[in-house]
Amino acid sequence: DPTRRDPWIQLARLRLAEGDMQGAASFAAAALAIPAQVGLPEMEENLLAGPHAILYWALFWLGRRDEARAHFEICRRLDPGNSVYLEHARLIDPAASRRPPS
């Protein structure tokens, strides 16, 4: 179904788990290219921070820190209390761990 993000996100998570950061970033970016559509059988995380979380982590390890930071900030804005994002703030943007999310 070309209207769902889930298959791309599953592939992105698989590539991430296998350490293929370029593959993870590519599949997560493909998921984001599909407009989020409420009402389809799609996990809420796939419509919100899910693809951005994969992207920021993969891009960070690919050395593309500015791009990673942009996706990280989206995740923090969507889920400011997420303990994983709070932990990763020290890596992604040390200054972000000392300021409240926007």
C-alpha atoms as a PDB file:
ATOM      1  CA  ASP A   1       0.000   0.000   0.000  1.00  0.00           C
ATOM      2  CA  PRO A   2       1.806   3.131  -1.175  1.00  0.00           C
ATOM      3  CA  THR A   3      -0.178   5.312   1.249  1.00  0.00           C
ATOM      4  CA  ARG A   4       1.305   3.718   4.395  1.00  0.00           C
ATOM      5  CA  ARG A   5       4.574   4.559   6.114  1.00  0.00           C
ATOM      6  CA  ASP A   6       4.780   1.343   8.125  1.00  0.00           C
ATOM      7  CA  PRO A   7       6.605  -0.872   5.576  1.00  0.00           C
ATOM      8  CA  TRP A   8       9.325   1.761   5.095  1.00  0.00           C
ATOM      9  CA  ILE A   9       9.695   2.276   8.835  1.00  0.00           C
ATOM     10  CA  GLN A  10       9.970  -1.457   9.451  1.00  0.00           C
ATOM     11  CA  LEU A  11      12.742  -1.637   6.860  1.00  0.00           C
ATOM     12  CA  ALA A  12      14.437   1.394   8.435  1.00  0.00           C
ATOM     13  CA  ARG A  13      14.332  -0.222  11.902  1.00  0.00           C
ATOM     14  CA  LEU A  14      15.760  -3.452  10.496  1.00  0.00           C
ATOM     15  CA  ARG A  15      18.635  -1.611   8.802  1.00  0.00           C
ATOM     16  CA  LEU A  16      19.257   0.365  12.013  1.00  0.00           C
ATOM     17  CA  ALA A  17      19.368  -2.837  14.066  1.00  0.00           C
ATOM     18  CA  GLU A  18      21.894  -4.274  11.623  1.00  0.00           C
ATOM     19  CA  GLY A  19      24.090  -1.171  11.824  1.00  0.00           C
ATOM     20  CA  ASP A  20      23.348   0.007   8.288  1.00  0.00           C
ATOM     21  CA  MET A  21      22.896   3.685   9.072  1.00  0.00           C
ATOM     22  CA  GLN A  22      22.692   4.778   5.420  1.00  0.00           C
ATOM     23  CA  GLY A  23      19.966   2.226   4.729  1.00  0.00           C
ATOM     24  CA  ALA A  24      18.086   3.249   7.883  1.00  0.00           C
ATOM     25  CA  ALA A  25      18.234   6.914   6.913  1.00  0.00           C
ATOM     26  CA  SER A  26      17.103   6.183   3.356  1.00  0.00           C
ATOM     27  CA  PHE A  27      14.091   4.104   4.406  1.00  0.00           C
ATOM     28  CA  ALA A  28      13.076   6.586   7.138  1.00  0.00           C
ATOM     29  CA  ALA A  29      13.301   9.449   4.634  1.00  0.00           C
ATOM     30  CA  ALA A  30      11.129   7.430   2.225  1.00  0.00           C
ATOM     31  CA  ALA A  31       8.553   7.019   5.004  1.00  0.00           C
ATOM     32  CA  LEU A  32       8.503  10.775   5.604  1.00  0.00           C
ATOM     33  CA  ALA A  33       7.883  11.362   1.900  1.00  0.00           C
ATOM     34  CA  ILE A  34       4.455   9.731   2.375  1.00  0.00           C
ATOM     35  CA  PRO A  35       1.988  12.235   3.825  1.00  0.00           C
ATOM     36  CA  ALA A  36       0.688  11.292   7.268  1.00  0.00           C
ATOM     37  CA  GLN A  37      -2.944  10.263   6.936  1.00  0.00           C
ATOM     38  CA  VAL A  38      -5.028   9.849  10.035  1.00  0.00           C
ATOM     39  CA  GLY A  39      -7.644   7.127   9.785  1.00  0.00           C
ATOM     40  CA  LEU A  40      -5.524   4.592   7.940  1.00  0.00           C
ATOM     41  CA  PRO A  41      -4.343   1.479   9.775  1.00  0.00           C
ATOM     42  CA  GLU A  42      -1.070   3.071  10.811  1.00  0.00           C
ATOM     43  CA  MET A  43       0.636   3.185  14.190  1.00  0.00           C
ATOM     44  CA  GLU A  44       0.513   6.652  15.727  1.00  0.00           C
ATOM     45  CA  GLU A  45       4.304   6.614  16.206  1.00  0.00           C
ATOM     46  CA  ASN A  46       4.712   6.243  12.422  1.00  0.00           C
ATOM     47  CA  LEU A  47       2.758   9.453  11.937  1.00  0.00           C
ATOM     48  CA  LEU A  48       4.662  11.401  14.580  1.00  0.00           C
ATOM     49  CA  ALA A  49       8.232  11.027  15.844  1.00  0.00           C
ATOM     50  CA  GLY A  50       9.018   7.484  14.642  1.00  0.00           C
ATOM     51  CA  PRO A  51      10.678   8.236  11.305  1.00  0.00           C
ATOM     52  CA  HIS A  52      12.390  11.327  12.717  1.00  0.00           C
ATOM     53  CA  ALA A  53      13.850   9.276  15.589  1.00  0.00           C
ATOM     54  CA  ILE A  54      15.370   6.778  13.161  1.00  0.00           C
ATOM     55  CA  LEU A  55      16.673   9.610  10.991  1.00  0.00           C
ATOM     56  CA  TYR A  56      18.334  11.572  13.770  1.00  0.00           C
ATOM     57  CA  TRP A  57      20.102   8.505  15.111  1.00  0.00           C
ATOM     58  CA  ALA A  58      21.274   7.277  11.707  1.00  0.00           C
ATOM     59  CA  LEU A  59      22.346  10.733  10.522  1.00  0.00           C
ATOM     60  CA  PHE A  60      24.226  11.336  13.770  1.00  0.00           C
ATOM     61  CA  TRP A  61      26.326   8.200  13.227  1.00  0.00           C
ATOM     62  CA  LEU A  62      26.839   9.083   9.558  1.00  0.00           C
ATOM     63  CA  GLY A  63      28.443  12.334  10.722  1.00  0.00           C
ATOM     64  CA  ARG A  64      25.630  14.501   9.371  1.00  0.00           C
ATOM     65  CA  ARG A  65      25.156  16.256  12.708  1.00  0.00           C
ATOM     66  CA  ASP A  66      23.223  19.339  11.551  1.00  0.00           C
ATOM     67  CA  GLU A  67      20.627  17.204   9.771  1.00  0.00           C
ATOM     68  CA  ALA A  68      20.463  14.886  12.787  1.00  0.00           C
ATOM     69  CA  ARG A  69      19.888  17.826  15.114  1.00  0.00           C
ATOM     70  CA  ALA A  70      16.937  19.052  13.027  1.00  0.00           C
ATOM     71  CA  HIS A  71      15.165  15.671  13.269  1.00  0.00           C
ATOM     72  CA  PHE A  72      16.095  15.378  16.946  1.00  0.00           C
ATOM     73  CA  GLU A  73      14.426  18.718  17.669  1.00  0.00           C
ATOM     74  CA  ILE A  74      11.255  17.499  15.949  1.00  0.00           C
ATOM     75  CA  CYS A  75      11.267  14.430  18.214  1.00  0.00           C
ATOM     76  CA  ARG A  76      11.775  16.530  21.331  1.00  0.00           C
ATOM     77  CA  ARG A  77       8.961  18.860  20.312  1.00  0.00           C
ATOM     78  CA  LEU A  78       6.578  15.951  19.664  1.00  0.00           C
ATOM     79  CA  ASP A  79       7.474  14.040  22.841  1.00  0.00           C
ATOM     80  CA  PRO A  80       9.352  16.317  25.264  1.00  0.00           C
ATOM     81  CA  GLY A  81       9.266  13.884  28.200  1.00  0.00           C
ATOM     82  CA  ASN A  82      10.674  10.897  26.304  1.00  0.00           C
ATOM     83  CA  SER A  83      13.558   9.515  28.376  1.00  0.00           C
ATOM     84  CA  VAL A  84      15.446   8.321  25.278  1.00  0.00           C
ATOM     85  CA  TYR A  85      15.458  11.813  23.787  1.00  0.00           C
ATOM     86  CA  LEU A  86      16.537  13.288  27.104  1.00  0.00           C
ATOM     87  CA  GLU A  87      19.454  10.830  27.196  1.00  0.00           C
ATOM     88  CA  HIS A  88      20.415  11.418  23.559  1.00  0.00           C
ATOM     89  CA  ALA A  89      20.334  15.201  24.028  1.00  0.00           C
ATOM     90  CA  ARG A  90      23.821  15.002  25.521  1.00  0.00           C
ATOM     91  CA  LEU A  91      25.108  13.434  22.298  1.00  0.00           C
ATOM     92  CA  ILE A  92      23.082  15.220  19.642  1.00  0.00           C
ATOM     93  CA  ASP A  93      23.147  18.714  21.078  1.00  0.00           C
ATOM     94  CA  PRO A  94      24.775  19.191  24.473  1.00  0.00           C
ATOM     95  CA  ALA A  95      23.146  22.617  24.812  1.00  0.00           C
ATOM     96  CA  ALA A  96      19.701  21.037  24.227  1.00  0.00           C
ATOM     97  CA  SER A  97      19.998  18.989  27.386  1.00  0.00           C
ATOM     98  CA  ARG A  98      20.227  22.221  29.380  1.00  0.00           C
ATOM     99  CA  ARG A  99      17.229  24.032  27.834  1.00  0.00           C
ATOM    100  CA  PRO A 100      13.521  23.167  27.758  1.00  0.00           C
ATOM    101  CA  PRO A 101      12.073  21.923  24.437  1.00  0.00           C
ATOM    102  CA  SER A 102      10.491  24.571  22.225  1.00  0.00           C
END
